[in-house]
Protein backbone atom coordinates (compact mmCIF):
# COMPACT_ATOMS: atom_id res chain seq x y z
CA MET A 1 94.11 84.12 132.45
CA PRO A 2 97.74 83.12 131.05
CA SER A 3 98.70 79.59 132.03
CA ARG A 4 101.16 78.52 134.96
CA ARG A 5 103.52 77.30 131.99
CA LEU A 6 103.22 80.49 130.47
CA LEU A 7 103.56 82.92 133.40
CA ILE A 8 106.80 80.73 134.21
CA ALA A 9 107.69 81.33 130.13
CA LEU A 10 106.99 85.47 130.50
CA LEU A 11 108.97 85.55 134.19
CA PRO A 12 112.22 86.11 132.72
CA LEU A 13 110.77 88.76 130.09
CA LEU A 14 108.80 90.70 132.51
CA SER A 15 111.33 93.36 133.04
CA PHE A 16 112.16 94.15 129.11
CA GLY A 17 111.66 97.61 130.22
CA LEU A 18 114.74 97.39 131.82
CA SER A 19 116.85 96.14 129.48
CA MET A 20 115.69 98.22 126.68
CA PRO A 21 118.13 99.75 124.07
CA ALA A 22 119.01 103.33 125.41
CA THR A 23 117.34 104.49 122.26
CA ALA A 24 114.02 104.22 122.07
CA ARG A 25 111.00 106.30 120.73
CA ASP A 26 107.38 106.90 121.64
CA ILE A 27 104.77 106.13 118.80
CA THR A 28 100.74 106.18 118.65
CA ASP A 29 98.70 103.42 117.91
CA ALA A 30 95.29 101.71 118.43
CA MET A 31 95.77 101.41 122.19
CA GLY A 32 97.44 104.68 122.99
CA THR A 33 101.15 105.27 123.45
CA VAL A 34 103.85 102.66 123.44
CA THR A 35 107.73 103.27 123.77
CA VAL A 36 109.63 101.17 121.29
CA PRO A 37 113.39 100.35 120.42
CA ASP A 38 114.66 102.56 117.54
CA SER A 39 116.16 99.74 115.51
CA PRO A 40 114.48 96.47 116.81
CA GLN A 41 116.10 93.09 115.46
CA ARG A 42 113.85 90.39 116.99
CA VAL A 43 109.99 91.07 115.30
CA VAL A 44 107.27 89.36 115.98
CA PHE A 45 104.03 90.09 113.26
CA LEU A 46 100.78 88.38 114.46
CA THR A 47 99.00 89.46 110.94
CA ASN A 48 99.15 88.48 107.72
CA GLU A 49 98.94 91.89 105.82
CA GLY A 50 101.58 92.91 108.69
CA THR A 51 104.02 90.25 107.66
CA GLU A 52 103.74 91.28 104.07
CA ALA A 53 104.72 94.67 105.27
CA LEU A 54 107.99 93.58 107.19
CA LEU A 55 108.83 91.74 104.34
CA ALA A 56 108.25 94.79 101.95
CA LEU A 57 110.28 96.69 103.99
CA GLY A 58 113.42 94.57 103.93
CA VAL A 59 112.81 92.93 107.58
CA VAL A 60 112.50 89.20 108.38
CA PRO A 61 110.33 88.28 111.18
CA VAL A 62 111.90 86.08 113.66
CA GLY A 63 108.23 84.88 114.00
CA ALA A 64 104.96 85.67 112.46
CA ALA A 65 100.94 84.50 112.48
CA ASN A 66 100.92 81.72 109.98
CA SER A 67 99.57 82.46 106.71
CA TRP A 68 95.54 81.59 106.67
CA VAL A 69 96.24 78.97 104.04
CA GLY A 70 99.53 77.49 103.52
CA ASP A 71 102.41 75.23 104.91
CA PRO A 72 102.83 77.28 106.97
CA TRP A 73 103.44 80.32 104.98
CA TRP A 74 101.45 81.99 101.44
CA ASP A 75 103.20 80.79 97.99
CA HIS A 76 103.91 84.60 97.15
CA ILE A 77 106.00 84.64 100.49
CA ALA A 78 107.23 81.21 101.64
CA ASP A 79 110.63 81.97 99.80
CA ARG A 80 111.17 85.10 101.70
CA MET A 81 110.23 84.02 105.41
CA GLY A 82 113.39 82.50 105.96
CA ASP A 83 113.92 81.27 109.81
CA ALA A 84 110.82 82.87 110.74
CA VAL A 85 108.82 80.50 113.42
CA PRO A 86 104.90 80.18 112.76
CA VAL A 87 103.06 81.23 116.23
CA GLY A 88 99.75 80.35 115.21
CA THR A 89 96.89 82.14 113.54
CA GLU A 90 96.28 85.56 113.82
CA SER A 91 93.11 84.67 116.19
CA ALA A 92 94.77 81.84 117.83
CA VAL A 93 98.64 83.19 118.91
CA ASN A 94 100.28 80.45 121.04
CA LEU A 95 101.75 82.79 123.48
CA GLU A 96 104.50 80.41 124.49
CA LEU A 97 105.79 80.39 121.22
CA VAL A 98 106.29 84.09 121.36
CA ALA A 99 107.79 84.35 124.50
CA ALA A 100 110.43 82.18 123.54
CA LEU A 101 111.53 83.83 120.78
CA GLU A 102 112.79 86.67 122.97
CA PRO A 103 110.85 89.64 120.40
CA ASP A 104 112.29 93.03 121.24
CA LEU A 105 109.08 93.91 119.14
CA ILE A 106 105.93 92.57 118.74
CA ILE A 107 103.17 94.18 115.99
CA GLY A 108 99.47 92.67 116.48
CA ASN A 109 95.81 94.05 115.81
CA ARG A 110 93.27 95.40 117.88
CA GLN A 111 90.52 93.38 116.24
CA ARG A 112 92.13 90.15 116.51
CA HIS A 113 94.21 90.67 119.84
CA GLU A 114 93.21 93.05 122.39
CA GLU A 115 92.17 90.41 125.06
CA ILE A 116 95.75 89.06 124.86
CA TYR A 117 97.16 92.62 124.86
CA PRO A 118 98.05 92.20 128.36
CA GLN A 119 100.08 89.12 128.00
CA LEU A 120 102.03 90.62 124.76
CA THR A 121 102.96 93.69 126.20
CA ALA A 122 104.91 91.67 129.13
CA ILE A 123 106.43 90.01 126.65
CA ALA A 124 107.76 93.13 124.67
CA PRO A 125 106.57 96.30 123.70
CA THR A 126 103.77 96.03 121.50
CA VAL A 127 102.41 98.17 118.28
CA MET A 128 98.83 97.59 117.75
CA SER A 129 97.30 98.90 114.21
CA ALA A 130 93.11 99.40 114.20
CA GLU A 131 91.53 97.90 111.57
CA LEU A 132 92.07 94.78 109.02
CA ARG A 133 90.43 95.81 106.16
CA GLY A 134 89.88 98.86 103.66
CA ASP A 135 93.23 101.04 102.97
CA TRP A 136 96.32 98.46 103.44
CA LYS A 137 98.21 101.57 103.40
CA ILE A 138 97.43 102.94 106.74
CA ASN A 139 98.38 100.02 108.57
CA PHE A 140 101.64 99.70 106.50
CA ARG A 141 102.40 103.39 107.47
CA LEU A 142 102.45 102.59 111.22
CA TYR A 143 104.37 99.68 111.39
CA ALA A 144 106.87 101.25 109.09
CA GLU A 145 107.17 104.26 111.92
CA ALA A 146 107.23 101.09 114.62
CA LEU A 147 109.99 99.78 113.06
CA GLY A 148 112.23 102.72 112.07
CA ARG A 149 111.97 102.23 108.23
CA THR A 150 109.43 105.29 107.55
CA ALA A 151 111.77 106.15 104.26
CA GLU A 152 111.50 102.78 102.91
CA ALA A 153 107.73 102.91 103.60
CA ASP A 154 107.37 106.31 101.76
CA ALA A 155 109.84 104.64 98.94
CA ALA A 156 107.43 101.83 98.67
CA ILE A 157 103.85 103.62 98.75
CA ALA A 158 105.53 105.74 96.01
CA ASP A 159 105.96 102.64 93.66
CA TYR A 160 102.68 101.36 94.03
CA ASP A 161 101.51 104.50 93.01
CA VAL A 162 103.47 104.71 90.39
CA ALA A 163 102.53 101.24 89.32
CA VAL A 164 98.83 102.06 90.04
CA ALA A 165 99.12 105.32 87.55
CA ASP A 166 100.49 103.01 84.93
CA LEU A 167 98.02 100.47 84.84
CA ARG A 168 95.18 103.13 84.81
CA ALA A 169 97.05 104.73 81.65
CA ARG A 170 97.43 101.32 80.04
CA LEU A 171 93.67 100.60 80.71
CA GLY A 172 92.22 103.65 79.64
CA ALA A 173 88.38 103.75 78.85
CA ALA A 174 88.15 100.14 80.19
CA THR A 175 87.99 101.49 83.82
CA ALA A 176 84.36 103.03 82.91
CA GLU A 177 83.38 99.40 83.35
CA GLU A 178 81.38 98.54 86.75
CA VAL A 179 83.09 95.76 88.07
CA SER A 180 81.87 94.00 90.54
CA VAL A 181 83.71 91.73 93.49
CA VAL A 182 81.94 88.67 94.69
CA ARG A 183 83.36 85.96 97.56
CA PHE A 184 82.03 82.85 98.10
CA LEU A 185 82.44 81.19 102.13
CA PRO A 186 81.00 78.61 104.05
CA GLY A 187 77.09 79.09 104.25
CA GLN A 188 77.62 83.19 102.90
CA VAL A 189 78.14 85.24 100.10
CA ARG A 190 79.88 88.40 100.62
CA ILE A 191 79.48 91.44 97.62
CA TYR A 192 82.63 93.74 98.83
CA GLN A 193 82.10 97.29 98.90
CA LEU A 194 84.80 100.14 99.16
CA ASP A 195 86.11 99.71 102.39
CA SER A 196 87.62 96.69 101.50
CA PHE A 197 91.25 95.46 100.18
CA SER A 198 89.77 94.86 96.76
CA GLY A 199 87.67 97.95 96.81
CA VAL A 200 90.06 100.45 97.69
CA LEU A 201 92.72 99.27 95.28
CA LEU A 202 90.04 99.10 92.28
CA ARG A 203 89.17 102.52 92.93
CA ASP A 204 92.71 103.49 93.25
CA VAL A 205 93.08 102.26 89.68
CA GLY A 206 89.99 104.21 88.93
CA PHE A 207 87.16 101.37 87.96
CA ALA A 208 83.74 102.34 88.31
CA ARG A 209 81.53 99.98 90.69
CA PRO A 210 78.31 99.07 90.87
CA ALA A 211 75.93 101.38 92.84
CA ILE A 212 75.38 98.72 95.30
CA GLN A 213 79.23 98.62 95.68
CA ASN A 214 79.85 102.20 95.72
CA VAL A 215 79.45 102.97 99.02
CA GLU A 216 82.09 103.21 102.06
CA GLU A 217 81.09 100.50 103.52
CA PHE A 218 82.83 96.95 104.01
CA ALA A 219 80.15 94.08 102.23
CA ILE A 220 76.81 93.30 101.66
CA ARG A 221 76.25 89.83 103.16
CA THR A 222 73.96 87.38 101.64
CA GLY A 223 72.96 84.14 99.63
CA LYS A 224 71.78 82.81 96.59
CA GLU A 225 68.73 85.36 96.93
CA GLY A 226 71.38 88.19 96.15
CA ILE A 227 72.66 87.07 93.04
CA PRO A 228 71.10 89.68 90.95
CA ASP A 229 73.06 92.35 93.55
CA MET A 230 76.15 90.35 92.15
CA ASP A 231 75.66 91.56 88.66
CA GLY A 232 78.13 94.06 87.07
CA ASP A 233 79.77 94.88 83.64
CA ARG A 234 82.46 92.71 84.93
CA ILE A 235 82.40 90.49 87.82
CA PHE A 236 85.29 88.96 89.61
CA HIS A 237 85.02 86.32 92.22
CA PHE A 238 87.04 84.02 94.80
CA THR A 239 86.48 81.57 97.34
CA TRP A 240 87.19 80.92 100.64
CA ASP A 241 87.39 77.24 102.10
CA THR A 242 88.39 75.99 105.36
CA GLY A 243 89.03 72.97 103.75
CA ASP A 244 85.81 70.98 104.37
CA GLY A 245 84.57 72.04 100.51
CA GLN A 246 81.25 73.92 101.96
CA GLY A 247 82.60 77.39 100.45
CA THR A 248 83.76 75.73 96.77
CA ALA A 249 80.16 73.95 97.07
CA LEU A 250 78.45 77.35 97.66
CA ALA A 251 80.67 78.94 94.81
CA ASN A 252 79.79 75.68 92.55
CA GLU A 253 75.93 76.22 93.69
CA VAL A 254 75.66 79.82 93.00
CA LEU A 255 77.94 79.70 89.47
CA ALA A 256 75.85 76.91 88.35
CA ASP A 257 72.33 78.77 89.39
CA PRO A 258 69.81 79.75 85.92
CA LEU A 259 69.67 83.41 88.24
CA TRP A 260 73.83 83.73 87.90
CA GLN A 261 73.45 82.47 84.64
CA SER A 262 71.31 85.00 83.49
CA LEU A 263 73.58 88.14 84.82
CA SER A 264 74.92 90.58 81.75
CA ALA A 265 78.69 90.01 83.08
CA VAL A 266 78.17 86.01 82.54
CA GLU A 267 76.38 86.35 79.31
CA ALA A 268 79.23 88.66 77.98
CA GLY A 269 81.55 86.23 79.17
CA LYS A 270 83.37 88.68 81.57
CA VAL A 271 83.32 86.62 84.68
CA HIS A 272 86.81 85.92 86.01
CA ALA A 273 87.72 83.20 89.22
CA VAL A 274 90.75 84.95 91.03
CA SER A 275 92.85 83.92 94.02
CA ASP A 276 91.39 84.44 97.35
CA ALA A 277 94.53 85.26 98.98
CA ILE A 278 95.56 88.21 96.49
CA TRP A 279 92.25 89.71 96.11
CA ASN A 280 91.53 89.24 99.61
CA THR A 281 92.43 87.53 102.71
CA ALA A 282 96.54 88.42 102.49
CA GLY A 283 95.49 92.16 102.35
CA GLY A 284 99.58 93.73 102.28
CA ILE A 285 101.35 95.46 99.75
CA LEU A 286 102.85 92.54 98.40
CA ALA A 287 98.88 91.24 97.69
CA ALA A 288 98.30 94.59 96.53
CA GLN A 289 101.26 94.29 93.99
CA LEU A 290 100.31 90.80 92.40
CA MET A 291 96.34 92.12 92.15
CA LEU A 292 97.70 94.88 89.78
CA GLN A 293 99.47 92.06 87.68
CA ASP A 294 96.04 89.81 87.77
CA ILE A 295 94.21 93.06 86.39
CA ALA A 296 96.75 93.95 84.31
CA ARG A 297 96.83 89.94 82.70
CA ILE A 298 93.26 90.08 82.46
CA TYR A 299 92.36 92.88 80.57
CA GLY A 300 95.24 92.35 78.10
CA VAL A 301 97.60 95.08 78.93
CA GLU A 302 100.68 93.68 80.32
């Protein structure tokens, strides 16, 4: 239940439907049908990948969820965020801050924000995407529809497709390598499969994957016992650390393990530490563009 302070803060906004611009339209999202203004001017985004989408479409939010790493934004978006107000993390949104910004559109995600959906809709029309993994283009198109910027989205995706095709051509036979993707977290290792941010992009480029990763799933959760399943012709790995050093400690432990040292990719010198933000956590179109650049650099085809 919202707090008394929150209810007081929301009272002036509860009648947003009465003051909604005369030009509005209905769109279908993860929660059903929502009426949104044709040209929203004050947008609050509650996911990291959604904030990237907004920036790529030429709009700066009035408020956004804090980047998972940064103060308060990812390094790769910090200079584009203008006066945007951080409103808490994706999983701990400050509703009073959101209400104080008087948005005319809020965009969130069902996985993260279903519990606070009633409070969000009391503040402003709220569009909800369904998933936060896999193909970023699905959410990107929904956000563009909500913002009335589908033409800009089509152009951005076309540019991405051109960049992918260009990289694939420059890589040539190198895409036959079975590339493995591994993430170290506190107390857990994930071996990423096709239904993940990195998995979708690697498939777009045309890379082969080890058999255990070449399935339409998100990730295998394991520990040191799963080291044999982490092998490939080439391994990309990244680390998520909450600030207490546990993720980094596990990464160091696995990377020093004799079983890891015996993997064929390790023996061949084809192991690469890459950015957790770019290869996984940011999850949006800007990160996808940077991931393509990383692959080109690693393979020497820049």
